[in-house]
PDB file of all heavy atoms in Angstrom:
ATOM      1  N   ILE A   1      80.457 108.033 119.482  1.00  0.00           N
ATOM      2  CA  ILE A   1      81.899 108.117 119.223  1.00  0.00           C
ATOM      3  C   ILE A   1      82.135 108.249 117.723  1.00  0.00           C
ATOM      4  O   ILE A   1      81.542 107.528 116.920  1.00  0.00           O
ATOM      5  CB  ILE A   1      82.607 106.844 119.751  1.00  0.00           C
ATOM      6  CG1 ILE A   1      82.522 106.790 121.280  1.00  0.00           C
ATOM      7  CG2 ILE A   1      84.064 106.777 119.300  1.00  0.00           C
ATOM      8  CD1 ILE A   1      82.976 105.463 121.871  1.00  0.00           C
ATOM      9  N   ALA A   2      83.017 109.173 117.336  1.00  0.00           N
ATOM     10  CA  ALA A   2      83.439 109.298 115.940  1.00  0.00           C
ATOM     11  C   ALA A   2      84.532 108.280 115.649  1.00  0.00           C
ATOM     12  O   ALA A   2      85.323 107.943 116.534  1.00  0.00           O
ATOM     13  CB  ALA A   2      83.953 110.701 115.666  1.00  0.00           C
ATOM     14  N   ILE A   3      84.577 107.779 114.409  1.00  0.00           N
ATOM     15  CA  ILE A   3      85.654 106.865 114.005  1.00  0.00           C
ATOM     16  C   ILE A   3      86.348 107.414 112.760  1.00  0.00           C
ATOM     17  O   ILE A   3      85.703 107.752 111.758  1.00  0.00           O
ATOM     18  CB  ILE A   3      85.158 105.443 113.714  1.00  0.00           C
ATOM     19  CG1 ILE A   3      84.331 104.891 114.865  1.00  0.00           C
ATOM     20  CG2 ILE A   3      86.362 104.519 113.466  1.00  0.00           C
ATOM     21  CD1 ILE A   3      83.915 103.434 114.675  1.00  0.00           C
ATOM     22  N   LEU A   4      87.662 107.472 112.839  1.00  0.00           N
ATOM     23  CA  LEU A   4      88.504 107.897 111.726  1.00  0.00           C
ATOM     24  C   LEU A   4      89.138 106.662 111.085  1.00  0.00           C
ATOM     25  O   LEU A   4      89.723 105.832 111.779  1.00  0.00           O
ATOM     26  CB  LEU A   4      89.599 108.839 112.249  1.00  0.00           C
ATOM     27  CG  LEU A   4      90.720 109.229 111.286  1.00  0.00           C
ATOM     28  CD1 LEU A   4      90.179 110.029 110.108  1.00  0.00           C
ATOM     29  CD2 LEU A   4      91.798 110.021 112.031  1.00  0.00           C
ATOM     30  N   PHE A   5      88.996 106.548 109.757  1.00  0.00           N
ATOM     31  CA  PHE A   5      89.551 105.423 109.001  1.00  0.00           C
ATOM     32  C   PHE A   5      90.582 105.960 108.010  1.00  0.00           C
ATOM     33  O   PHE A   5      90.208 106.353 106.894  1.00  0.00           O
ATOM     34  CB  PHE A   5      88.455 104.689 108.225  1.00  0.00           C
ATOM     35  CG  PHE A   5      87.352 104.107 109.071  1.00  0.00           C
ATOM     36  CD1 PHE A   5      86.199 104.838 109.339  1.00  0.00           C
ATOM     37  CD2 PHE A   5      87.448 102.815 109.587  1.00  0.00           C
ATOM     38  CE1 PHE A   5      85.161 104.297 110.094  1.00  0.00           C
ATOM     39  CE2 PHE A   5      86.424 102.261 110.345  1.00  0.00           C
ATOM     40  CZ  PHE A   5      85.279 103.009 110.602  1.00  0.00           C
ATOM     41  N   PRO A   6      91.861 106.008 108.363  1.00  0.00           N
ATOM     42  CA  PRO A   6      92.879 106.444 107.404  1.00  0.00           C
ATOM     43  C   PRO A   6      93.208 105.338 106.402  1.00  0.00           C
ATOM     44  O   PRO A   6      92.812 104.176 106.567  1.00  0.00           O
ATOM     45  CB  PRO A   6      94.109 106.728 108.280  1.00  0.00           C
ATOM     46  CG  PRO A   6      93.648 106.606 109.707  1.00  0.00           C
ATOM     47  CD  PRO A   6      92.435 105.742 109.681  1.00  0.00           C
ATOM     48  N   ASP A   7      93.967 105.698 105.373  1.00  0.00           N
ATOM     49  CA  ASP A   7      94.506 104.720 104.429  1.00  0.00           C
ATOM     50  C   ASP A   7      95.691 103.997 105.080  1.00  0.00           C
ATOM     51  O   ASP A   7      96.120 104.346 106.191  1.00  0.00           O
ATOM     52  CB  ASP A   7      94.932 105.429 103.140  1.00  0.00           C
ATOM     53  CG  ASP A   7      94.969 104.513 101.931  1.00  0.00           C
ATOM     54  OD1 ASP A   7      94.918 103.274 102.100  1.00  0.00           O
ATOM     55  OD2 ASP A   7      95.063 105.035 100.804  1.00  0.00           O
ATOM     56  N   THR A   8      96.237 102.995 104.383  1.00  0.00           N
ATOM     57  CA  THR A   8      97.308 102.174 104.952  1.00  0.00           C
ATOM     58  C   THR A   8      98.694 102.545 104.440  1.00  0.00           C
ATOM     59  O   THR A   8      99.692 101.990 104.896  1.00  0.00           O
ATOM     60  CB  THR A   8      97.065 100.685 104.640  1.00  0.00           C
ATOM     61  OG1 THR A   8      96.900 100.538 103.224  1.00  0.00           O
ATOM     62  CG2 THR A   8      95.811 100.178 105.345  1.00  0.00           C
ATOM     63  N   SER A   9      98.768 103.468 103.485  1.00  0.00           N
ATOM     64  CA  SER A   9     100.060 103.897 102.940  1.00  0.00           C
ATOM     65  C   SER A   9      99.830 105.121 102.067  1.00  0.00           C
ATOM     66  O   SER A   9      98.690 105.427 101.715  1.00  0.00           O
ATOM     67  CB  SER A   9     100.675 102.790 102.076  1.00  0.00           C
ATOM     68  OG  SER A   9     100.029 102.726 100.806  1.00  0.00           O
ATOM     69  N   PRO A  10     100.909 105.810 101.680  1.00  0.00           N
ATOM     70  CA  PRO A  10     100.764 106.793 100.600  1.00  0.00           C
ATOM     71  C   PRO A  10     100.440 106.077  99.294  1.00  0.00           C
ATOM     72  O   PRO A  10     100.708 104.876  99.150  1.00  0.00           O
ATOM     73  CB  PRO A  10     102.149 107.458 100.531  1.00  0.00           C
ATOM     74  CG  PRO A  10     103.081 106.553 101.233  1.00  0.00           C
ATOM     75  CD  PRO A  10     102.291 105.699 102.167  1.00  0.00           C
ATOM     76  N   ARG A  11      99.850 106.795  98.355  1.00  0.00           N
ATOM     77  CA  ARG A  11      99.548 106.226  97.044  1.00  0.00           C
ATOM     78  C   ARG A  11      99.949 107.212  95.951  1.00  0.00           C
ATOM     79  O   ARG A  11      99.685 108.406  96.060  1.00  0.00           O
ATOM     80  CB  ARG A  11      98.052 105.901  96.927  1.00  0.00           C
ATOM     81  CG  ARG A  11      97.659 104.779  97.894  1.00  0.00           C
ATOM     82  CD  ARG A  11      96.222 104.340  97.814  1.00  0.00           C
ATOM     83  NE  ARG A  11      95.945 103.465  98.947  1.00  0.00           N
ATOM     84  CZ  ARG A  11      96.033 102.126  98.912  1.00  0.00           C
ATOM     85  NH1 ARG A  11      96.385 101.523  97.799  1.00  0.00           N
ATOM     86  NH2 ARG A  11      95.775 101.411  99.994  1.00  0.00           N
ATOM     87  N   GLY A  12     100.605 106.671  94.928  1.00  0.00           N
ATOM     88  CA  GLY A  12     100.982 107.504  93.787  1.00  0.00           C
ATOM     89  C   GLY A  12     102.363 108.109  93.882  1.00  0.00           C
ATOM     90  O   GLY A  12     102.696 108.992  93.091  1.00  0.00           O
ATOM     91  N   ALA A  13     103.198 107.631  94.795  1.00  0.00           N
ATOM     92  CA  ALA A  13     104.551 108.186  94.931  1.00  0.00           C
ATOM     93  C   ALA A  13     105.425 107.827  93.733  1.00  0.00           C
ATOM     94  O   ALA A  13     106.351 108.560  93.391  1.00  0.00           O
ATOM     95  CB  ALA A  13     105.200 107.678  96.221  1.00  0.00           C
ATOM     96  N   GLY A  14     105.138 106.699  93.106  1.00  0.00           N
ATOM     97  CA  GLY A  14     105.901 106.295  91.931  1.00  0.00           C
ATOM     98  C   GLY A  14     107.309 105.814  92.245  1.00  0.00           C
ATOM     99  O   GLY A  14     108.193 105.858  91.379  1.00  0.00           O
ATOM    100  N   ILE A  15     107.527 105.346  93.473  1.00  0.00           N
ATOM    101  CA  ILE A  15     108.849 104.852  93.859  1.00  0.00           C
ATOM    102  C   ILE A  15     109.058 103.461  93.261  1.00  0.00           C
ATOM    103  O   ILE A  15     108.175 102.611  93.319  1.00  0.00           O
ATOM    104  CB  ILE A  15     108.979 104.793  95.399  1.00  0.00           C
ATOM    105  CG1 ILE A  15     108.756 106.180  96.001  1.00  0.00           C
ATOM    106  CG2 ILE A  15     110.331 104.242  95.823  1.00  0.00           C
ATOM    107  CD1 ILE A  15     108.588 106.173  97.513  1.00  0.00           C
ATOM    108  N   GLU A  16     110.237 103.256  92.705  1.00  0.00           N
ATOM    109  CA  GLU A  16     110.543 101.959  92.102  1.00  0.00           C
ATOM    110  C   GLU A  16     110.373 100.841  93.139  1.00  0.00           C
ATOM    111  O   GLU A  16     110.909 100.917  94.242  1.00  0.00           O
ATOM    112  CB  GLU A  16     111.987 101.957  91.588  1.00  0.00           C
ATOM    113  CG  GLU A  16     112.372 100.672  90.882  1.00  0.00           C
ATOM    114  CD  GLU A  16     113.882 100.568  90.657  1.00  0.00           C
ATOM    115  OE1 GLU A  16     114.610 101.512  91.008  1.00  0.00           O
ATOM    116  OE2 GLU A  16     114.310  99.528  90.151  1.00  0.00           O
ATOM    117  N   GLY A  17     109.594  99.833  92.791  1.00  0.00           N
ATOM    118  CA  GLY A  17     109.409  98.678  93.660  1.00  0.00           C
ATOM    119  C   GLY A  17     108.247  98.770  94.623  1.00  0.00           C
ATOM    120  O   GLY A  17     107.939  97.793  95.311  1.00  0.00           O
ATOM    121  N   GLU A  18     107.551  99.910  94.670  1.00  0.00           N
ATOM    122  CA  GLU A  18     106.530 100.059  95.715  1.00  0.00           C
ATOM    123  C   GLU A  18     105.249  99.265  95.433  1.00  0.00           C
ATOM    124  O   GLU A  18     104.425  99.091  96.325  1.00  0.00           O
ATOM    125  CB  GLU A  18     106.190 101.537  95.978  1.00  0.00           C
ATOM    126  CG  GLU A  18     105.385 102.217  94.909  1.00  0.00           C
ATOM    127  CD  GLU A  18     104.874 103.598  95.320  1.00  0.00           C
ATOM    128  OE1 GLU A  18     104.985 103.963  96.498  1.00  0.00           O
ATOM    129  OE2 GLU A  18     104.359 104.302  94.438  1.00  0.00           O
ATOM    130  N   THR A  19     105.105  98.777  94.216  1.00  0.00           N
ATOM    131  CA  THR A  19     103.934  97.943  93.908  1.00  0.00           C
ATOM    132  C   THR A  19     104.326  96.503  93.543  1.00  0.00           C
ATOM    133  O   THR A  19     103.520  95.750  93.008  1.00  0.00           O
ATOM    134  CB  THR A  19     103.116  98.547  92.745  1.00  0.00           C
ATOM    135  OG1 THR A  19     103.956  98.663  91.588  1.00  0.00           O
ATOM    136  CG2 THR A  19     102.568  99.913  93.102  1.00  0.00           C
ATOM    137  N   ASP A  20     105.549  96.118  93.860  1.00  0.00           N
ATOM    138  CA  ASP A  20     106.026  94.784  93.473  1.00  0.00           C
ATOM    139  C   ASP A  20     105.465  93.667  94.345  1.00  0.00           C
ATOM    140  O   ASP A  20     105.364  92.522  93.896  1.00  0.00           O
ATOM    141  CB  ASP A  20     107.560  94.722  93.523  1.00  0.00           C
ATOM    142  CG  ASP A  20     108.207  95.501  92.385  1.00  0.00           C
ATOM    143  OD1 ASP A  20     107.459  96.026  91.533  1.00  0.00           O
ATOM    144  OD2 ASP A  20     109.459  95.602  92.364  1.00  0.00           O
ATOM    145  N   SER A  21     105.143  93.967  95.601  1.00  0.00           N
ATOM    146  CA  SER A  21     104.640  92.913  96.494  1.00  0.00           C
ATOM    147  C   SER A  21     103.515  93.464  97.361  1.00  0.00           C
ATOM    148  O   SER A  21     103.429  94.667  97.597  1.00  0.00           O
ATOM    149  CB  SER A  21     105.765  92.353  97.367  1.00  0.00           C
ATOM    150  OG  SER A  21     106.379  93.368  98.121  1.00  0.00           O
ATOM    151  N   TRP A  22     102.670  92.565  97.831  1.00  0.00           N
ATOM    152  CA  TRP A  22     101.481  92.984  98.586  1.00  0.00           C
ATOM    153  C   TRP A  22     101.804  93.350 100.030  1.00  0.00           C
ATOM    154  O   TRP A  22     101.017  94.009 100.696  1.00  0.00           O
ATOM    155  CB  TRP A  22     100.417  91.888  98.554  1.00  0.00           C
ATOM    156  CG  TRP A  22     100.823  90.606  99.226  1.00  0.00           C
ATOM    157  CD1 TRP A  22     101.532  89.579  98.680  1.00  0.00           C
ATOM    158  CD2 TRP A  22     100.537  90.220 100.577  1.00  0.00           C
ATOM    159  NE1 TRP A  22     101.719  88.580  99.601  1.00  0.00           N
ATOM    160  CE2 TRP A  22     101.121  88.937 100.765  1.00  0.00           C
ATOM    161  CE3 TRP A  22      99.856  90.817 101.638  1.00  0.00           C
ATOM    162  CZ2 TRP A  22     101.038  88.255 101.976  1.00  0.00           C
ATOM    163  CZ3 TRP A  22      99.781  90.127 102.846  1.00  0.00           C
ATOM    164  CH2 TRP A  22     100.356  88.868 103.006  1.00  0.00           C
ATOM    165  N   ASP A  23     102.965  92.931 100.535  1.00  0.00           N
ATOM    166  CA  ASP A  23     103.286  93.157 101.949  1.00  0.00           C
ATOM    167  C   ASP A  23     104.393  94.190 102.161  1.00  0.00           C
ATOM    168  O   ASP A  23     104.998  94.261 103.224  1.00  0.00           O
ATOM    169  CB  ASP A  23     103.640  91.835 102.640  1.00  0.00           C
ATOM    170  CG  ASP A  23     104.783  91.088 101.962  1.00  0.00           C
ATOM    171  OD1 ASP A  23     105.301  91.581 100.929  1.00  0.00           O
ATOM    172  OD2 ASP A  23     105.152  89.995 102.451  1.00  0.00           O
ATOM    173  N   PHE A  24     104.645  95.004 101.129  1.00  0.00           N
ATOM    174  CA  PHE A  24     105.609  96.106 101.261  1.00  0.00           C
ATOM    175  C   PHE A  24     105.281  97.159 100.221  1.00  0.00           C
ATOM    176  O   PHE A  24     104.940  96.840  99.087  1.00  0.00           O
ATOM    177  CB  PHE A  24     107.044  95.593 101.061  1.00  0.00           C
ATOM    178  CG  PHE A  24     108.094  96.665 101.257  1.00  0.00           C
ATOM    179  CD1 PHE A  24     108.551  96.963 102.531  1.00  0.00           C
ATOM    180  CD2 PHE A  24     108.588  97.386 100.186  1.00  0.00           C
ATOM    181  CE1 PHE A  24     109.497  97.964 102.732  1.00  0.00           C
ATOM    182  CE2 PHE A  24     109.524  98.390 100.372  1.00  0.00           C
ATOM    183  CZ  PHE A  24     109.991  98.678 101.643  1.00  0.00           C
ATOM    184  N   GLY A  25     105.377  98.432 100.612  1.00  0.00           N
ATOM    185  CA  GLY A  25     105.082  99.514  99.675  1.00  0.00           C
ATOM    186  C   GLY A  25     103.612  99.909  99.742  1.00  0.00           C
ATOM    187  O   GLY A  25     103.040 100.064 100.824  1.00  0.00           O
ATOM    188  N   VAL A  26     102.977 100.061  98.585  1.00  0.00           N
ATOM    189  CA  VAL A  26     101.583 100.517  98.534  1.00  0.00           C
ATOM    190  C   VAL A  26     100.683  99.531  99.280  1.00  0.00           C
ATOM    191  O   VAL A  26     100.754  98.324  99.078  1.00  0.00           O
ATOM    192  CB  VAL A  26     101.125 100.679  97.077  1.00  0.00           C
ATOM    193  CG1 VAL A  26      99.627 100.995  97.019  1.00  0.00           C
ATOM    194  CG2 VAL A  26     101.913 101.783  96.384  1.00  0.00           C
ATOM    195  N   GLY A  27      99.851 100.071 100.182  1.00  0.00           N
ATOM    196  CA  GLY A  27      98.969  99.240 101.003  1.00  0.00           C
ATOM    197  C   GLY A  27      99.659  98.591 102.178  1.00  0.00           C
ATOM    198  O   GLY A  27      99.067  97.772 102.876  1.00  0.00           O
ATOM    199  N   ALA A  28     100.911  98.974 102.422  1.00  0.00           N
ATOM    200  CA  ALA A  28     101.704  98.323 103.472  1.00  0.00           C
ATOM    201  C   ALA A  28     102.672  99.303 104.132  1.00  0.00           C
ATOM    202  O   ALA A  28     103.855  99.027 104.276  1.00  0.00           O
ATOM    203  CB  ALA A  28     102.472  97.139 102.882  1.00  0.00           C
ATOM    204  N   GLY A  29     102.153 100.452 104.552  1.00  0.00           N
ATOM    205  CA  GLY A  29     103.010 101.510 105.102  1.00  0.00           C
ATOM    206  C   GLY A  29     103.541 101.259 106.492  1.00  0.00           C
ATOM    207  O   GLY A  29     104.432 101.962 106.972  1.00  0.00           O
ATOM    208  N   PHE A  30     102.982 100.282 107.204  1.00  0.00           N
ATOM    209  CA  PHE A  30     103.453  99.822 108.517  1.00  0.00           C
ATOM    210  C   PHE A  30     103.435 100.889 109.624  1.00  0.00           C
ATOM    211  O   PHE A  30     103.996 100.685 110.697  1.00  0.00           O
ATOM    212  CB  PHE A  30     104.842  99.168 108.421  1.00  0.00           C
ATOM    213  CG  PHE A  30     104.750  97.670 108.386  1.00  0.00           C
ATOM    214  CD1 PHE A  30     104.479  97.010 107.190  1.00  0.00           C
ATOM    215  CD2 PHE A  30     104.865  96.916 109.538  1.00  0.00           C
ATOM    216  CE1 PHE A  30     104.341  95.624 107.142  1.00  0.00           C
ATOM    217  CE2 PHE A  30     104.741  95.528 109.510  1.00  0.00           C
ATOM    218  CZ  PHE A  30     104.477  94.885 108.312  1.00  0.00           C
TER     219      PHE A  30
END
């Protein structure tokens, strides 16, 4: 079986606030 491992969010969008907390924004695309 093949396994695909995507990332958890976009990175580098530069949206204000996207790196302010660990549970929202970068690394937290839901």
